[in-house]
Protein backbone atom coordinates (compact mmCIF):
# COMPACT_ATOMS: atom_id res chain seq x y z
CA UNK A 1 0.00 0.08 -0.04
CA UNK A 2 2.96 2.33 0.71
CA UNK A 3 4.46 1.65 -2.46
CA UNK A 4 1.29 2.33 -4.47
CA UNK A 5 0.71 5.77 -2.67
CA UNK A 6 4.30 6.83 -3.17
CA UNK A 7 4.13 5.66 -6.80
CA UNK A 8 1.10 8.21 -7.31
CA UNK A 9 2.62 11.06 -5.70
CA UNK A 10 5.66 10.48 -7.47
CA UNK A 11 3.44 10.54 -10.79
CA UNK A 12 1.70 13.98 -9.70
CA UNK A 13 4.73 15.51 -9.04
CA UNK A 14 6.28 14.40 -12.12
CA UNK A 15 3.10 15.87 -14.35
CA UNK A 16 2.34 19.03 -12.51
CA UNK A 17 5.27 20.94 -13.89
CA UNK A 18 4.63 20.02 -17.41
CA UNK A 19 0.87 21.04 -17.25
CA UNK A 20 1.72 24.31 -15.53
CA UNK A 21 4.04 25.36 -18.43
CA UNK A 22 1.63 24.65 -21.12
CA UNK A 23 -0.80 26.79 -19.26
CA UNK A 24 1.34 29.71 -19.17
CA UNK A 25 2.21 29.34 -22.61
CA UNK A 26 -1.45 29.17 -23.63
CA UNK A 27 -2.09 32.35 -21.56
CA UNK A 28 0.74 34.29 -22.91
CA UNK A 29 -0.56 33.46 -26.50
CA UNK A 30 -3.88 35.67 -25.79
CA UNK A 31 -4.02 38.78 -27.09
CA UNK A 32 -4.13 41.58 -24.28
CA UNK A 33 -7.54 43.55 -23.72
CA UNK A 34 -6.59 47.18 -23.77
CA UNK A 35 -8.83 49.38 -21.24
CA UNK A 36 -11.48 51.63 -22.69
CA UNK A 37 -10.16 55.17 -23.39
CA UNK A 38 -11.77 57.81 -20.99
CA UNK A 39 -13.79 60.83 -22.78
CA UNK A 40 -14.99 63.99 -22.17
CA UNK A 41 -18.39 65.36 -21.21
CA UNK A 42 -19.45 69.12 -22.07
CA UNK A 43 -22.03 70.49 -20.15
CA UNK A 44 -23.98 73.81 -20.70
CA UNK A 45 -26.53 75.42 -18.50
CA UNK A 46 -28.97 77.80 -19.70
CA UNK A 47 -32.20 79.75 -18.91
CA UNK A 48 -35.59 79.32 -20.79
CA UNK A 49 -34.47 82.16 -23.09
CA UNK A 50 -31.43 80.69 -23.75
CA UNK A 51 -28.70 82.74 -21.79
CA UNK A 52 -25.92 81.10 -19.95
CA UNK A 53 -26.19 80.33 -16.42
CA UNK A 54 -23.05 80.65 -14.31
CA UNK A 55 -22.69 79.13 -10.66
CA UNK A 56 -24.96 76.34 -11.73
CA UNK A 57 -24.30 72.96 -9.75
CA UNK A 58 -23.34 70.20 -12.01
CA UNK A 59 -23.42 66.62 -11.31
CA UNK A 60 -22.47 63.39 -13.50
CA UNK A 61 -24.11 60.46 -12.34
CA UNK A 62 -23.98 56.39 -13.50
CA UNK A 63 -26.96 54.37 -13.28
CA UNK A 64 -25.76 52.72 -10.49
CA UNK A 65 -25.75 55.88 -8.30
CA UNK A 66 -22.03 56.55 -8.51
CA UNK A 67 -21.17 60.00 -9.05
CA UNK A 68 -18.80 60.57 -11.96
CA UNK A 69 -18.13 64.12 -11.29
CA UNK A 70 -19.54 67.14 -9.80
CA UNK A 71 -18.48 70.78 -10.71
CA UNK A 72 -19.79 74.35 -10.96
CA UNK A 73 -20.50 76.10 -14.16
CA UNK A 74 -18.51 79.22 -15.50
CA UNK A 75 -19.93 82.52 -16.27
CA UNK A 76 -20.51 81.15 -19.95
CA UNK A 77 -22.62 78.46 -18.20
CA UNK A 78 -19.92 75.61 -19.50
CA UNK A 79 -18.17 73.09 -17.67
CA UNK A 80 -16.13 70.24 -19.40
CA UNK A 81 -15.82 66.83 -17.35
CA UNK A 82 -12.70 64.91 -18.26
CA UNK A 83 -11.30 61.52 -17.54
CA UNK A 84 -14.92 59.85 -17.48
CA UNK A 85 -15.18 56.30 -18.41
CA UNK A 86 -17.61 55.40 -21.58
CA UNK A 87 -21.03 54.80 -20.51
CA UNK A 88 -24.37 56.36 -19.80
CA UNK A 89 -24.89 59.27 -17.42
CA UNK A 90 -27.49 61.59 -15.98
CA UNK A 91 -26.53 65.30 -15.80
CA UNK A 92 -28.30 67.33 -13.53
CA UNK A 93 -27.97 70.97 -13.00
CA UNK A 94 -29.14 72.93 -9.78
CA UNK A 95 -29.47 76.72 -9.05
CA UNK A 96 -31.17 78.81 -6.73
CA UNK A 97 -34.24 80.29 -7.93
CA UNK A 98 -34.39 77.85 -10.95
CA UNK A 99 -35.90 74.33 -11.26
CA UNK A 100 -33.46 71.36 -11.26
CA UNK A 101 -32.77 70.33 -15.03
CA UNK A 102 -31.71 66.58 -15.97
CA UNK A 103 -30.28 65.34 -19.00
CA UNK A 104 -28.90 61.94 -20.18
CA UNK A 105 -25.85 61.63 -22.36
CA UNK A 106 -24.02 58.52 -23.79
CA UNK A 107 -20.26 58.65 -23.73
CA UNK A 108 -18.44 56.36 -26.37
CA UNK A 109 -14.86 55.34 -25.69
CA UNK A 110 -12.29 57.75 -26.90
CA UNK A 111 -15.25 60.41 -28.09
CA UNK A 112 -16.87 63.25 -26.43
CA UNK A 113 -20.45 63.97 -25.37
CA UNK A 114 -22.34 67.06 -24.69
CA UNK A 115 -25.46 67.99 -22.54
CA UNK A 116 -27.53 71.30 -22.46
CA UNK A 117 -29.33 71.90 -19.47
CA UNK A 118 -32.39 74.12 -19.63
CA UNK A 119 -33.42 75.77 -16.12
CA UNK A 120 -36.87 77.17 -15.76
CA UNK A 121 -36.96 80.41 -13.24
CA UNK A 122 -39.42 80.39 -10.68
CA UNK A 123 -40.55 83.54 -10.99
CA UNK A 124 -37.92 86.23 -12.96
CA UNK A 125 -38.52 85.19 -16.35
CA UNK A 126 -42.35 84.33 -16.60
CA UNK A 127 -43.00 87.58 -18.08
CA UNK A 128 -40.53 87.25 -20.89
CA UNK A 129 -41.35 83.68 -21.65
CA UNK A 130 -45.29 84.88 -22.15
CA UNK A 131 -44.16 87.87 -24.05
CA UNK A 132 -42.11 85.66 -26.41
CA UNK A 133 -44.74 83.20 -26.75
CA UNK A 134 -47.08 85.67 -27.80
CA UNK A 135 -44.82 87.12 -30.57
CA UNK A 136 -44.19 83.60 -31.75
CA UNK A 137 -47.94 83.01 -31.77
CA UNK A 138 -48.69 86.35 -33.34
CA UNK A 139 -46.20 85.57 -36.46
CA UNK A 140 -47.50 82.20 -36.75
CA UNK A 141 -51.10 83.55 -37.77
CA UNK A 142 -49.81 85.06 -41.23
CA UNK A 143 -49.72 82.44 -44.10
CA UNK A 144 -46.51 82.20 -46.23
CA UNK A 145 -47.45 79.75 -48.77
CA UNK A 146 -45.38 80.68 -51.93
CA UNK A 147 -43.62 83.32 -50.51
CA UNK A 148 -39.91 84.12 -49.98
CA UNK A 149 -38.87 86.12 -47.01
CA UNK A 150 -35.71 88.30 -46.45
CA UNK A 151 -35.14 89.41 -43.08
CA UNK A 152 -33.22 92.20 -41.47
CA UNK A 153 -32.74 92.55 -37.53
CA UNK A 154 -32.06 95.75 -35.72
CA UNK A 155 -28.48 94.44 -35.61
CA UNK A 156 -28.38 94.30 -39.40
CA UNK A 157 -29.70 97.86 -39.68
CA UNK A 158 -27.37 99.36 -37.43
CA UNK A 159 -24.45 97.87 -39.28
CA UNK A 160 -25.67 99.70 -42.60
CA UNK A 161 -24.31 103.01 -43.66
CA UNK A 162 -26.35 105.75 -41.62
CA UNK A 163 -27.49 102.74 -39.46
CA UNK A 164 -30.98 103.85 -37.82
CA UNK A 165 -30.73 107.34 -38.84
CA UNK A 166 -31.26 106.45 -42.37
CA UNK A 167 -34.98 106.46 -43.68
CA UNK A 168 -37.01 103.18 -44.02
CA UNK A 169 -37.15 103.34 -47.59
CA UNK A 170 -33.23 103.59 -47.91
CA UNK A 171 -32.91 100.68 -45.51
CA UNK A 172 -35.20 98.44 -47.97
CA UNK A 173 -32.78 99.22 -50.77
CA UNK A 174 -30.36 96.83 -49.26
CA UNK A 175 -32.95 94.03 -49.81
CA UNK A 176 -32.64 92.04 -53.30
CA UNK A 177 -34.99 92.87 -55.76
CA UNK A 178 -35.82 96.43 -54.54
CA UNK A 179 -34.87 99.74 -56.03
CA UNK A 180 -35.66 103.63 -55.85
CA UNK A 181 -38.71 104.91 -57.79
CA UNK A 182 -38.78 108.50 -56.43
CA UNK A 183 -36.45 110.24 -54.20
CA UNK A 184 -38.72 112.84 -53.32
CA UNK A 185 -41.36 110.75 -51.92
CA UNK A 186 -39.35 107.79 -51.02
CA UNK A 187 -41.48 105.25 -53.02
CA UNK A 188 -39.75 102.28 -54.10
CA UNK A 189 -40.14 99.27 -56.62
CA UNK A 190 -40.02 95.67 -55.92
CA UNK A 191 -39.33 93.28 -58.49
CA UNK A 192 -40.11 96.11 -60.99
CA UNK A 193 -43.70 96.37 -59.73
CA UNK A 194 -44.70 100.15 -59.03
CA UNK A 195 -46.97 101.17 -56.03
CA UNK A 196 -47.10 97.84 -55.00
CA UNK A 197 -45.52 97.68 -51.70
CA UNK A 198 -47.75 97.34 -48.38
CA UNK A 199 -46.53 98.17 -44.90
CA UNK A 200 -47.15 96.41 -41.84
CA UNK A 201 -46.29 97.04 -38.16
CA UNK A 202 -46.93 93.82 -35.87
CA UNK A 203 -49.17 92.64 -38.37
CA UNK A 204 -51.38 95.55 -38.72
CA UNK A 205 -51.59 97.14 -42.09
CA UNK A 206 -51.02 100.92 -42.54
CA UNK A 207 -53.17 103.18 -44.49
CA UNK A 208 -52.13 103.79 -48.23
CA UNK A 209 -50.71 107.46 -47.70
CA UNK A 210 -48.07 105.85 -45.08
CA UNK A 211 -47.44 103.05 -47.44
CA UNK A 212 -46.57 105.31 -50.37
CA UNK A 213 -44.17 107.74 -48.40
CA UNK A 214 -41.72 105.26 -46.85
CA UNK A 215 -39.31 107.79 -46.03
CA UNK A 216 -41.67 109.00 -43.13
CA UNK A 217 -40.92 105.95 -41.30
CA UNK A 218 -37.83 105.44 -39.13
CA UNK A 219 -36.02 102.30 -38.58
CA UNK A 220 -35.18 103.19 -35.05
CA UNK A 221 -37.96 101.37 -33.56
CA UNK A 222 -37.70 97.99 -35.79
CA UNK A 223 -36.96 94.97 -33.93
CA UNK A 224 -36.87 92.88 -37.04
CA UNK A 225 -38.07 93.66 -40.80
CA UNK A 226 -39.26 91.21 -43.26
CA UNK A 227 -39.54 91.76 -46.75
CA UNK A 228 -41.98 89.18 -48.03
CA UNK A 229 -42.45 88.53 -51.74
CA UNK A 230 -43.69 85.98 -54.20
CA UNK A 231 -47.00 84.30 -54.76
CA UNK A 232 -49.01 85.47 -51.76
CA UNK A 233 -52.46 84.53 -50.57
CA UNK A 234 -55.65 86.73 -50.48
CA UNK A 235 -55.14 87.37 -46.88
CA UNK A 236 -52.16 89.72 -47.73
CA UNK A 237 -54.86 92.19 -49.88
CA UNK A 238 -54.17 94.02 -52.97
CA UNK A 239 -50.69 95.32 -52.63
CA UNK A 240 -48.50 92.18 -52.86
CA UNK A 241 -45.59 92.82 -54.85
CA UNK A 242 -43.64 93.39 -51.62
CA UNK A 243 -44.80 93.03 -47.77
CA UNK A 244 -42.62 95.18 -45.43
CA UNK A 245 -43.56 93.48 -42.09
CA UNK A 246 -42.27 95.16 -39.25
CA UNK A 247 -41.94 93.77 -35.68
CA UNK A 248 -41.25 96.73 -33.39
CA UNK A 249 -39.03 96.95 -30.35
CA UNK A 250 -40.16 96.09 -26.99
CA UNK A 251 -39.67 97.88 -23.76
CA UNK A 252 -39.79 94.67 -21.88
CA UNK A 253 -36.43 93.63 -23.78
CA UNK A 254 -34.96 96.83 -24.41
CA UNK A 255 -35.17 98.21 -20.63
CA UNK A 256 -33.36 101.56 -20.77
CA UNK A 257 -32.72 104.36 -23.27
CA UNK A 258 -30.08 106.31 -25.03
CA UNK A 259 -29.55 109.72 -26.57
CA UNK A 260 -27.38 110.23 -30.02
CA UNK A 261 -26.63 113.06 -32.59
CA UNK A 262 -25.73 112.22 -36.01
CA UNK A 263 -24.37 115.04 -38.64
CA UNK A 264 -22.52 115.41 -41.98
CA UNK A 265 -22.45 117.34 -44.96
CA UNK A 266 -24.77 120.18 -46.02
CA UNK A 267 -25.22 121.17 -42.34
CA UNK A 268 -26.87 117.81 -41.55
CA UNK A 269 -27.74 117.58 -37.77
CA UNK A 270 -30.07 114.91 -36.48
CA UNK A 271 -30.55 114.31 -32.64
CA UNK A 272 -32.14 111.07 -31.83
CA UNK A 273 -33.49 109.29 -28.46
CA UNK A 274 -35.07 105.96 -27.61
CA UNK A 275 -36.44 104.57 -24.35
CA UNK A 276 -38.36 101.62 -23.14
CA UNK A 277 -39.52 99.91 -20.47
CA UNK A 278 -42.23 97.80 -18.80
CA UNK A 279 -44.87 98.50 -15.94
CA UNK A 280 -47.06 95.46 -14.73
CA UNK A 281 -48.10 93.46 -17.79
CA UNK A 282 -47.57 96.35 -20.16
CA UNK A 283 -44.49 97.29 -21.86
CA UNK A 284 -43.62 100.66 -24.29
CA UNK A 285 -40.79 102.05 -26.23
CA UNK A 286 -40.67 105.23 -27.53
CA UNK A 287 -38.29 106.84 -30.18
CA UNK A 288 -38.02 110.25 -31.81
CA UNK A 289 -35.46 112.36 -33.86
CA UNK A 290 -35.28 115.77 -35.45
CA UNK A 291 -33.56 116.25 -38.93
CA UNK A 292 -32.17 119.53 -40.06
CA UNK A 293 -30.03 120.39 -43.14
CA UNK A 294 -29.35 123.28 -45.42
């Protein structure tokens, strides 16, 4: 019996080193598995009007509840989380006076991901949001089937020669298909049509006299201007070679005022002012100028 056990132990002692060496060689032949490359998650926090929100508390959280990163957004509302392992994350943003916002991002190995958080204000932006929604609703009433639209913002007008000091008819000459008819009365042609221009302010059609004397309108109160041309439906009336649709500035978004003076040759002096504000549910915007030359 002792002789048989000794023989078995001897066999085991002899075969073990050979099996271990083969296993080691087999494991060494397997390809190495590289660790997934970490990536970056770019987060921006904004309010409901699209303005960046600084000092927003940001958190990056994995599905298992593990927090991958916490930070505070900069003045531009941005923060870049670096060295984040690939996976799915929930991004949350918290700021005093705003509701918490959450977004879900998927980070792929070696690539970046981005998340945009929109935080709704508790009270401060309610009036602004209502005004924006009403403006969008008003613009959506007018049909635009078969029409082509050229838009000029208040900033576009300021960048033109003379800026807001130019009469409205001279501003319109920068739009495609518009040329001057008579310098004396300020009438213009659109697509070679005579006296076919209609002027609207906040959707309200101006009388024929005001439509003819385009130089009597100042671009100073214009927030945006659209020249609508093309095949227009009957809702636009008879003057349809060109519709000049003006949306006025609002004291709600242009709070405060300014005073300026413009001058040039022929003794031209043109002082001007504008002022806007809001009271309760109402807003106002006032502008005026005086032109003198020799």
